[in-house]
């Protein structure tokens, strides 16, 4: 947990260095410098992996859940696979999104989708730009292909021709489906929450109206009782007034 932000910074540094390495036209000296930076960042991720493995409560479970990190470390020659290090950034985006549902939907989905599309574009460009018969040879082509793939549009005007490029395409397709699923589930949850909130407000308003009406009826009943009590005859004050009067002529 304490190393999450430093590792996210290392992932950003890797993304910048790898972007320059793939996109820019560099001299041999610059290429050597970029390669050293890549290997230095690889060492950072190696140290992080070893420390996390050694300090994990259940090393077996942690090992299984972090196989992607192991693949990145033991297969450094498969350059597109290095982009799996950006999973750290996705976790940071998820934490930074906050607890508000609407904010989490917008921030998490947009951030993750943009990161996934850019990473896919870099990876496929790295695999395709020097391949025979390739039609993805510039960063513009790669970004266009990544956007049409992640959104499941798939025009087919740009497509990978190498095995590594197709492997990247497979990962981007799966990632695109996952992102769209998150969007659908989040929007559905937000709609259910909104409807439930409105229904609760309506029930509370109806209950309050019933209470107000009952209070009015109680006040009216009290007023009627007071009027009835005012119209009722008062009881006699002494016995003389209550003597029975006999009719005339009766003795």
C-alpha atoms as a PDB file:
ATOM      1  CA  UNK A   1       0.000   0.000   0.000  1.00  0.00           C
ATOM      2  CA  UNK A   2       2.842   2.409   0.861  1.00  0.00           C
ATOM      3  CA  UNK A   3       4.626   1.664  -2.412  1.00  0.00           C
ATOM      4  CA  UNK A   4       1.589   2.118  -4.646  1.00  0.00           C
ATOM      5  CA  UNK A   5       2.223   5.762  -5.514  1.00  0.00           C
ATOM      6  CA  UNK A   6       5.998   5.341  -6.051  1.00  0.00           C
ATOM      7  CA  UNK A   7       5.321   2.376  -8.317  1.00  0.00           C
ATOM      8  CA  UNK A   8       2.682   4.409 -10.160  1.00  0.00           C
ATOM      9  CA  UNK A   9       5.327   7.089 -10.719  1.00  0.00           C
ATOM     10  CA  UNK A  10       7.686   4.398 -12.035  1.00  0.00           C
ATOM     11  CA  UNK A  11       4.936   3.182 -14.379  1.00  0.00           C
ATOM     12  CA  UNK A  12       4.435   6.728 -15.693  1.00  0.00           C
ATOM     13  CA  UNK A  13       8.180   7.087 -16.225  1.00  0.00           C
ATOM     14  CA  UNK A  14       8.209   3.800 -18.088  1.00  0.00           C
ATOM     15  CA  UNK A  15       5.295   4.921 -20.274  1.00  0.00           C
ATOM     16  CA  UNK A  16       7.117   8.136 -21.192  1.00  0.00           C
ATOM     17  CA  UNK A  17      10.405   6.384 -21.966  1.00  0.00           C
ATOM     18  CA  UNK A  18       8.705   3.616 -23.916  1.00  0.00           C
ATOM     19  CA  UNK A  19       6.660   6.159 -25.898  1.00  0.00           C
ATOM     20  CA  UNK A  20       9.794   8.007 -26.933  1.00  0.00           C
ATOM     21  CA  UNK A  21      11.496   4.723 -27.765  1.00  0.00           C
ATOM     22  CA  UNK A  22       8.657   3.590 -30.033  1.00  0.00           C
ATOM     23  CA  UNK A  23       7.483   6.852 -31.606  1.00  0.00           C
ATOM     24  CA  UNK A  24      10.541   9.077 -31.928  1.00  0.00           C
ATOM     25  CA  UNK A  25      13.362   8.742 -34.427  1.00  0.00           C
ATOM     26  CA  UNK A  26      16.387   8.530 -32.150  1.00  0.00           C
ATOM     27  CA  UNK A  27      20.116   8.367 -32.661  1.00  0.00           C
ATOM     28  CA  UNK A  28      22.087   5.300 -31.550  1.00  0.00           C
ATOM     29  CA  UNK A  29      23.300   7.181 -28.480  1.00  0.00           C
ATOM     30  CA  UNK A  30      19.747   8.214 -27.560  1.00  0.00           C
ATOM     31  CA  UNK A  31      18.503   4.686 -28.125  1.00  0.00           C
ATOM     32  CA  UNK A  32      21.185   3.353 -25.799  1.00  0.00           C
ATOM     33  CA  UNK A  33      20.203   5.894 -23.141  1.00  0.00           C
ATOM     34  CA  UNK A  34      16.539   4.953 -23.431  1.00  0.00           C
ATOM     35  CA  UNK A  35      17.404   1.271 -23.159  1.00  0.00           C
ATOM     36  CA  UNK A  36      19.350   1.925 -19.968  1.00  0.00           C
ATOM     37  CA  UNK A  37      16.381   3.787 -18.550  1.00  0.00           C
ATOM     38  CA  UNK A  38      14.106   0.882 -19.443  1.00  0.00           C
ATOM     39  CA  UNK A  39      16.397  -1.589 -17.709  1.00  0.00           C
ATOM     40  CA  UNK A  40      16.649   0.661 -14.649  1.00  0.00           C
ATOM     41  CA  UNK A  41      12.865   0.770 -14.402  1.00  0.00           C
ATOM     42  CA  UNK A  42      12.813  -3.008 -14.866  1.00  0.00           C
ATOM     43  CA  UNK A  43      15.103  -3.270 -11.854  1.00  0.00           C
ATOM     44  CA  UNK A  44      12.714  -1.107  -9.826  1.00  0.00           C
ATOM     45  CA  UNK A  45       9.807  -3.391 -10.672  1.00  0.00           C
ATOM     46  CA  UNK A  46      11.938  -6.429  -9.859  1.00  0.00           C
ATOM     47  CA  UNK A  47      12.731  -5.097  -6.386  1.00  0.00           C
ATOM     48  CA  UNK A  48       9.061  -4.267  -5.812  1.00  0.00           C
ATOM     49  CA  UNK A  49       8.039  -7.772  -6.886  1.00  0.00           C
ATOM     50  CA  UNK A  50      10.525  -9.490  -4.591  1.00  0.00           C
ATOM     51  CA  UNK A  51       9.649  -7.300  -1.590  1.00  0.00           C
ATOM     52  CA  UNK A  52       5.913  -7.834  -2.040  1.00  0.00           C
ATOM     53  CA  UNK A  53       6.366 -11.580  -2.465  1.00  0.00           C
ATOM     54  CA  UNK A  54       8.524 -11.925   0.635  1.00  0.00           C
ATOM     55  CA  UNK A  55       6.216  -9.804   2.818  1.00  0.00           C
ATOM     56  CA  UNK A  56       2.925 -11.345   1.641  1.00  0.00           C
ATOM     57  CA  UNK A  57       0.947 -13.239   4.287  1.00  0.00           C
ATOM     58  CA  UNK A  58       0.095 -16.009   1.831  1.00  0.00           C
ATOM     59  CA  UNK A  59       2.868 -16.127  -0.750  1.00  0.00           C
ATOM     60  CA  UNK A  60       1.176 -18.775  -2.857  1.00  0.00           C
ATOM     61  CA  UNK A  61      -2.023 -16.760  -3.274  1.00  0.00           C
ATOM     62  CA  UNK A  62      -0.082 -13.566  -3.942  1.00  0.00           C
ATOM     63  CA  UNK A  63       2.040 -15.369  -6.536  1.00  0.00           C
ATOM     64  CA  UNK A  64      -1.013 -16.625  -8.421  1.00  0.00           C
ATOM     65  CA  UNK A  65      -2.719 -13.224  -8.351  1.00  0.00           C
ATOM     66  CA  UNK A  66       0.371 -11.443  -9.682  1.00  0.00           C
ATOM     67  CA  UNK A  67       1.434 -13.712 -12.519  1.00  0.00           C
ATOM     68  CA  UNK A  68       1.348 -10.737 -14.903  1.00  0.00           C
ATOM     69  CA  UNK A  69       4.138  -9.093 -12.897  1.00  0.00           C
ATOM     70  CA  UNK A  70       6.227 -12.249 -13.134  1.00  0.00           C
ATOM     71  CA  UNK A  71       5.654 -12.410 -16.892  1.00  0.00           C
ATOM     72  CA  UNK A  72       6.853  -8.829 -17.274  1.00  0.00           C
ATOM     73  CA  UNK A  73      10.005  -9.589 -15.303  1.00  0.00           C
ATOM     74  CA  UNK A  74      11.035 -12.891 -16.873  1.00  0.00           C
ATOM     75  CA  UNK A  75      10.146 -11.907 -20.453  1.00  0.00           C
ATOM     76  CA  UNK A  76      11.756  -8.493 -20.863  1.00  0.00           C
ATOM     77  CA  UNK A  77      12.467  -9.240 -24.528  1.00  0.00           C
ATOM     78  CA  UNK A  78       8.725  -9.223 -25.292  1.00  0.00           C
ATOM     79  CA  UNK A  79       8.507  -5.451 -25.264  1.00  0.00           C
ATOM     80  CA  UNK A  80       4.722  -4.981 -25.630  1.00  0.00           C
ATOM     81  CA  UNK A  81       4.231  -7.149 -22.572  1.00  0.00           C
ATOM     82  CA  UNK A  82       6.008  -4.505 -20.505  1.00  0.00           C
ATOM     83  CA  UNK A  83       2.889  -2.371 -20.717  1.00  0.00           C
ATOM     84  CA  UNK A  84       1.287  -4.670 -18.147  1.00  0.00           C
ATOM     85  CA  UNK A  85       3.163  -2.555 -15.627  1.00  0.00           C
ATOM     86  CA  UNK A  86       0.521   0.100 -16.217  1.00  0.00           C
ATOM     87  CA  UNK A  87      -1.945  -2.007 -14.204  1.00  0.00           C
ATOM     88  CA  UNK A  88      -0.574  -0.055 -11.237  1.00  0.00           C
ATOM     89  CA  UNK A  89      -1.882   3.148 -12.803  1.00  0.00           C
ATOM     90  CA  UNK A  90      -5.350   1.648 -13.224  1.00  0.00           C
ATOM     91  CA  UNK A  91      -5.444   0.866  -9.501  1.00  0.00           C
ATOM     92  CA  UNK A  92      -4.390   4.430  -8.680  1.00  0.00           C
ATOM     93  CA  UNK A  93      -7.112   5.784 -10.980  1.00  0.00           C
ATOM     94  CA  UNK A  94      -9.653   3.599  -9.199  1.00  0.00           C
ATOM     95  CA  UNK A  95      -8.598   4.939  -5.771  1.00  0.00           C
ATOM     96  CA  UNK A  96      -8.530   8.546  -6.969  1.00  0.00           C
ATOM     97  CA  UNK A  97     -12.035   8.255  -8.399  1.00  0.00           C
ATOM     98  CA  UNK A  98     -13.519   8.579  -4.901  1.00  0.00           C
ATOM     99  CA  UNK A  99     -16.642   7.054  -3.485  1.00  0.00           C
ATOM    100  CA  UNK A 100     -19.255   9.073  -5.391  1.00  0.00           C
ATOM    101  CA  UNK A 101     -20.852   6.799  -7.971  1.00  0.00           C
ATOM    102  CA  UNK A 102     -21.141   9.363 -10.760  1.00  0.00           C
ATOM    103  CA  UNK A 103     -17.582  10.595 -10.298  1.00  0.00           C
ATOM    104  CA  UNK A 104     -16.282   7.044 -10.180  1.00  0.00           C
ATOM    105  CA  UNK A 105     -18.034   6.163 -13.440  1.00  0.00           C
ATOM    106  CA  UNK A 106     -16.651   9.131 -15.364  1.00  0.00           C
ATOM    107  CA  UNK A 107     -13.159   9.232 -13.883  1.00  0.00           C
ATOM    108  CA  UNK A 108     -12.451   5.518 -13.769  1.00  0.00           C
ATOM    109  CA  UNK A 109     -13.907   4.598 -17.157  1.00  0.00           C
ATOM    110  CA  UNK A 110     -12.431   7.528 -19.070  1.00  0.00           C
ATOM    111  CA  UNK A 111      -9.032   7.182 -17.417  1.00  0.00           C
ATOM    112  CA  UNK A 112      -8.812   3.419 -17.816  1.00  0.00           C
ATOM    113  CA  UNK A 113     -10.079   3.448 -21.407  1.00  0.00           C
ATOM    114  CA  UNK A 114      -7.641   6.192 -22.440  1.00  0.00           C
ATOM    115  CA  UNK A 115      -4.728   4.412 -20.782  1.00  0.00           C
ATOM    116  CA  UNK A 116      -5.688   1.080 -22.317  1.00  0.00           C
ATOM    117  CA  UNK A 117      -6.107   2.536 -25.814  1.00  0.00           C
ATOM    118  CA  UNK A 118      -2.793   4.393 -25.694  1.00  0.00           C
ATOM    119  CA  UNK A 119      -0.935   1.382 -24.333  1.00  0.00           C
ATOM    120  CA  UNK A 120      -2.452  -0.810 -27.047  1.00  0.00           C
ATOM    121  CA  UNK A 121      -1.491   1.714 -29.711  1.00  0.00           C
ATOM    122  CA  UNK A 122       2.103   1.807 -28.484  1.00  0.00           C
ATOM    123  CA  UNK A 123       2.362  -1.964 -28.269  1.00  0.00           C
ATOM    124  CA  UNK A 124       0.946  -2.626 -31.735  1.00  0.00           C
ATOM    125  CA  UNK A 125       3.080   0.111 -33.291  1.00  0.00           C
ATOM    126  CA  UNK A 126       6.183  -1.380 -31.679  1.00  0.00           C
ATOM    127  CA  UNK A 127       5.313  -4.780 -33.143  1.00  0.00           C
ATOM    128  CA  UNK A 128       4.139  -3.608 -36.574  1.00  0.00           C
ATOM    129  CA  UNK A 129       6.106  -0.581 -37.718  1.00  0.00           C
ATOM    130  CA  UNK A 130       8.977  -2.562 -39.278  1.00  0.00           C
ATOM    131  CA  UNK A 131       7.011  -5.642 -40.341  1.00  0.00           C
ATOM    132  CA  UNK A 132       6.609  -6.586 -44.007  1.00  0.00           C
ATOM    133  CA  UNK A 133       3.174  -5.653 -45.348  1.00  0.00           C
ATOM    134  CA  UNK A 134       2.226  -3.743 -42.190  1.00  0.00           C
ATOM    135  CA  UNK A 135      -0.439  -1.030 -42.437  1.00  0.00           C
ATOM    136  CA  UNK A 136       0.065   0.342 -38.905  1.00  0.00           C
ATOM    137  CA  UNK A 137       3.306   2.285 -39.277  1.00  0.00           C
ATOM    138  CA  UNK A 138       2.644   5.622 -37.504  1.00  0.00           C
ATOM    139  CA  UNK A 139       1.318   6.602 -34.097  1.00  0.00           C
ATOM    140  CA  UNK A 140      -1.737   8.092 -35.832  1.00  0.00           C
ATOM    141  CA  UNK A 141      -2.539   4.760 -37.471  1.00  0.00           C
ATOM    142  CA  UNK A 142      -1.979   2.961 -34.167  1.00  0.00           C
ATOM    143  CA  UNK A 143      -4.248   5.295 -32.183  1.00  0.00           C
ATOM    144  CA  UNK A 144      -6.993   5.048 -34.808  1.00  0.00           C
ATOM    145  CA  UNK A 145      -6.754   1.255 -34.762  1.00  0.00           C
ATOM    146  CA  UNK A 146      -6.789   1.170 -30.944  1.00  0.00           C
ATOM    147  CA  UNK A 147      -9.888   3.390 -30.709  1.00  0.00           C
ATOM    148  CA  UNK A 148     -11.851   1.404 -33.274  1.00  0.00           C
ATOM    149  CA  UNK A 149     -10.844  -1.827 -31.555  1.00  0.00           C
ATOM    150  CA  UNK A 150     -11.561  -0.846 -27.952  1.00  0.00           C
ATOM    151  CA  UNK A 151     -14.975   0.536 -28.912  1.00  0.00           C
ATOM    152  CA  UNK A 152     -15.747  -2.710 -30.820  1.00  0.00           C
ATOM    153  CA  UNK A 153     -16.369  -0.737 -34.039  1.00  0.00           C
ATOM    154  CA  UNK A 154     -13.639  -2.481 -36.006  1.00  0.00           C
ATOM    155  CA  UNK A 155     -13.627  -0.806 -39.433  1.00  0.00           C
ATOM    156  CA  UNK A 156     -10.906  -3.150 -40.649  1.00  0.00           C
ATOM    157  CA  UNK A 157      -8.922  -0.444 -42.459  1.00  0.00           C
ATOM    158  CA  UNK A 158      -6.044  -0.974 -40.011  1.00  0.00           C
ATOM    159  CA  UNK A 159      -5.117  -4.390 -38.652  1.00  0.00           C
ATOM    160  CA  UNK A 160      -2.020  -6.149 -37.277  1.00  0.00           C
ATOM    161  CA  UNK A 161      -0.143  -8.615 -39.451  1.00  0.00           C
ATOM    162  CA  UNK A 162       2.400  -9.948 -36.944  1.00  0.00           C
ATOM    163  CA  UNK A 163       1.815 -12.544 -34.257  1.00  0.00           C
ATOM    164  CA  UNK A 164       2.764 -10.117 -31.490  1.00  0.00           C
ATOM    165  CA  UNK A 165       0.476  -7.462 -32.958  1.00  0.00           C
ATOM    166  CA  UNK A 166      -2.426  -9.890 -33.007  1.00  0.00           C
ATOM    167  CA  UNK A 167      -1.677 -10.856 -29.423  1.00  0.00           C
ATOM    168  CA  UNK A 168      -1.901  -7.154 -28.508  1.00  0.00           C
ATOM    169  CA  UNK A 169      -5.159  -6.893 -30.449  1.00  0.00           C
ATOM    170  CA  UNK A 170      -6.595  -9.813 -28.503  1.00  0.00           C
ATOM    171  CA  UNK A 171      -5.738  -8.139 -25.207  1.00  0.00           C
ATOM    172  CA  UNK A 172      -7.224  -4.832 -26.361  1.00  0.00           C
ATOM    173  CA  UNK A 173     -10.440  -6.539 -27.480  1.00  0.00           C
ATOM    174  CA  UNK A 174     -10.848  -8.232 -24.119  1.00  0.00           C
ATOM    175  CA  UNK A 175     -10.030  -4.990 -22.347  1.00  0.00           C
ATOM    176  CA  UNK A 176     -12.558  -3.095 -24.458  1.00  0.00           C
ATOM    177  CA  UNK A 177     -15.310  -5.565 -23.599  1.00  0.00           C
ATOM    178  CA  UNK A 178     -14.390  -5.253 -19.917  1.00  0.00           C
ATOM    179  CA  UNK A 179     -14.507  -1.443 -20.052  1.00  0.00           C
ATOM    180  CA  UNK A 180     -17.884  -1.456 -21.802  1.00  0.00           C
ATOM    181  CA  UNK A 181     -19.185  -3.922 -19.217  1.00  0.00           C
ATOM    182  CA  UNK A 182     -18.081  -1.616 -16.418  1.00  0.00           C
ATOM    183  CA  UNK A 183     -19.830   1.302 -18.109  1.00  0.00           C
ATOM    184  CA  UNK A 184     -23.060  -0.669 -18.526  1.00  0.00           C
ATOM    185  CA  UNK A 185     -23.036  -1.982 -14.960  1.00  0.00           C
ATOM    186  CA  UNK A 186     -22.198   1.415 -13.476  1.00  0.00           C
ATOM    187  CA  UNK A 187     -24.894   3.234 -15.433  1.00  0.00           C
ATOM    188  CA  UNK A 188     -27.443   0.555 -14.486  1.00  0.00           C
ATOM    189  CA  UNK A 189     -26.483   0.864 -10.814  1.00  0.00           C
ATOM    190  CA  UNK A 190     -26.748   4.653 -10.986  1.00  0.00           C
ATOM    191  CA  UNK A 191     -30.214   4.437 -12.587  1.00  0.00           C
ATOM    192  CA  UNK A 192     -31.440   1.951  -9.957  1.00  0.00           C
ATOM    193  CA  UNK A 193     -30.058   4.161  -7.202  1.00  0.00           C
ATOM    194  CA  UNK A 194     -31.764   7.259  -8.656  1.00  0.00           C
ATOM    195  CA  UNK A 195     -35.115   5.500  -9.019  1.00  0.00           C
ATOM    196  CA  UNK A 196     -34.863   4.129  -5.468  1.00  0.00           C
ATOM    197  CA  UNK A 197     -34.071   7.589  -4.103  1.00  0.00           C
ATOM    198  CA  UNK A 198     -37.027   9.159  -5.929  1.00  0.00           C
ATOM    199  CA  UNK A 199     -39.342   6.378  -4.736  1.00  0.00           C
ATOM    200  CA  UNK A 200     -38.207   6.879  -1.147  1.00  0.00           C
ATOM    201  CA  UNK A 201     -38.838  10.610  -1.376  1.00  0.00           C
ATOM    202  CA  UNK A 202     -42.328   9.998  -2.763  1.00  0.00           C
ATOM    203  CA  UNK A 203     -43.143   7.548   0.047  1.00  0.00           C
ATOM    204  CA  UNK A 204     -41.884   9.985   2.666  1.00  0.00           C
ATOM    205  CA  UNK A 205     -43.938  12.800   1.130  1.00  0.00           C
ATOM    206  CA  UNK A 206     -47.075  10.613   1.078  1.00  0.00           C
ATOM    207  CA  UNK A 207     -46.566   9.557   4.709  1.00  0.00           C
ATOM    208  CA  UNK A 208     -46.116  13.172   5.746  1.00  0.00           C
ATOM    209  CA  UNK A 209     -49.319  14.141   3.961  1.00  0.00           C
ATOM    210  CA  UNK A 210     -51.226  11.405   5.828  1.00  0.00           C
ATOM    211  CA  UNK A 211     -49.785  12.596   9.151  1.00  0.00           C
ATOM    212  CA  UNK A 212     -50.782  16.204   8.408  1.00  0.00           C
ATOM    213  CA  UNK A 213     -54.315  15.109   7.508  1.00  0.00           C
ATOM    214  CA  UNK A 214     -54.655  13.080  10.708  1.00  0.00           C
ATOM    215  CA  UNK A 215     -53.468  16.041  12.752  1.00  0.00           C
ATOM    216  CA  UNK A 216     -56.096  18.258  11.111  1.00  0.00           C
ATOM    217  CA  UNK A 217     -58.822  15.683  11.859  1.00  0.00           C
ATOM    218  CA  UNK A 218     -57.677  15.452  15.478  1.00  0.00           C
ATOM    219  CA  UNK A 219     -57.839  19.238  15.811  1.00  0.00           C
ATOM    220  CA  UNK A 220     -61.358  19.290  14.342  1.00  0.00           C
ATOM    221  CA  UNK A 221     -62.508  16.548  16.729  1.00  0.00           C
ATOM    222  CA  UNK A 222     -61.150  18.480  19.693  1.00  0.00           C
ATOM    223  CA  UNK A 223     -62.953  21.598  18.493  1.00  0.00           C
ATOM    224  CA  UNK A 224     -66.262  19.669  18.152  1.00  0.00           C
ATOM    225  CA  UNK A 225     -65.873  18.227  21.640  1.00  0.00           C
ATOM    226  CA  UNK A 226     -65.317  21.708  23.015  1.00  0.00           C
ATOM    227  CA  UNK A 227     -68.490  23.004  21.314  1.00  0.00           C
ATOM    228  CA  UNK A 228     -70.561  20.049  22.548  1.00  0.00           C
ATOM    229  CA  UNK A 229     -69.325  20.611  26.072  1.00  0.00           C
ATOM    230  CA  UNK A 230     -70.308  24.296  25.857  1.00  0.00           C
ATOM    231  CA  UNK A 231     -73.874  23.506  24.694  1.00  0.00           C
ATOM    232  CA  UNK A 232     -74.555  20.817  27.331  1.00  0.00           C
ATOM    233  CA  UNK A 233     -76.860  21.956  30.390  1.00  0.00           C
ATOM    234  CA  UNK A 234     -75.083  22.607  33.623  1.00  0.00           C
ATOM    235  CA  UNK A 235     -75.942  20.339  36.650  1.00  0.00           C
ATOM    236  CA  UNK A 236     -78.288  21.743  39.431  1.00  0.00           C
ATOM    237  CA  UNK A 237     -76.635  23.564  42.329  1.00  0.00           C
ATOM    238  CA  UNK A 238     -79.120  22.498  45.185  1.00  0.00           C
ATOM    239  CA  UNK A 239     -81.959  20.075  45.989  1.00  0.00           C
ATOM    240  CA  UNK A 240     -84.850  22.661  45.809  1.00  0.00           C
ATOM    241  CA  UNK A 241     -84.419  23.075  42.143  1.00  0.00           C
ATOM    242  CA  UNK A 242     -84.715  19.380  41.639  1.00  0.00           C
ATOM    243  CA  UNK A 243     -88.071  18.927  43.527  1.00  0.00           C
ATOM    244  CA  UNK A 244     -90.771  17.269  41.437  1.00  0.00           C
ATOM    245  CA  UNK A 245     -93.599  19.627  40.637  1.00  0.00           C
ATOM    246  CA  UNK A 246     -97.101  18.091  40.842  1.00  0.00           C
ATOM    247  CA  UNK A 247     -99.823  19.047  38.397  1.00  0.00           C
ATOM    248  CA  UNK A 248    -102.567  21.533  39.559  1.00  0.00           C
ATOM    249  CA  UNK A 249    -105.475  20.096  41.581  1.00  0.00           C
ATOM    250  CA  UNK A 250    -103.468  17.180  42.753  1.00  0.00           C
ATOM    251  CA  UNK A 251    -103.085  16.889  46.516  1.00  0.00           C
END
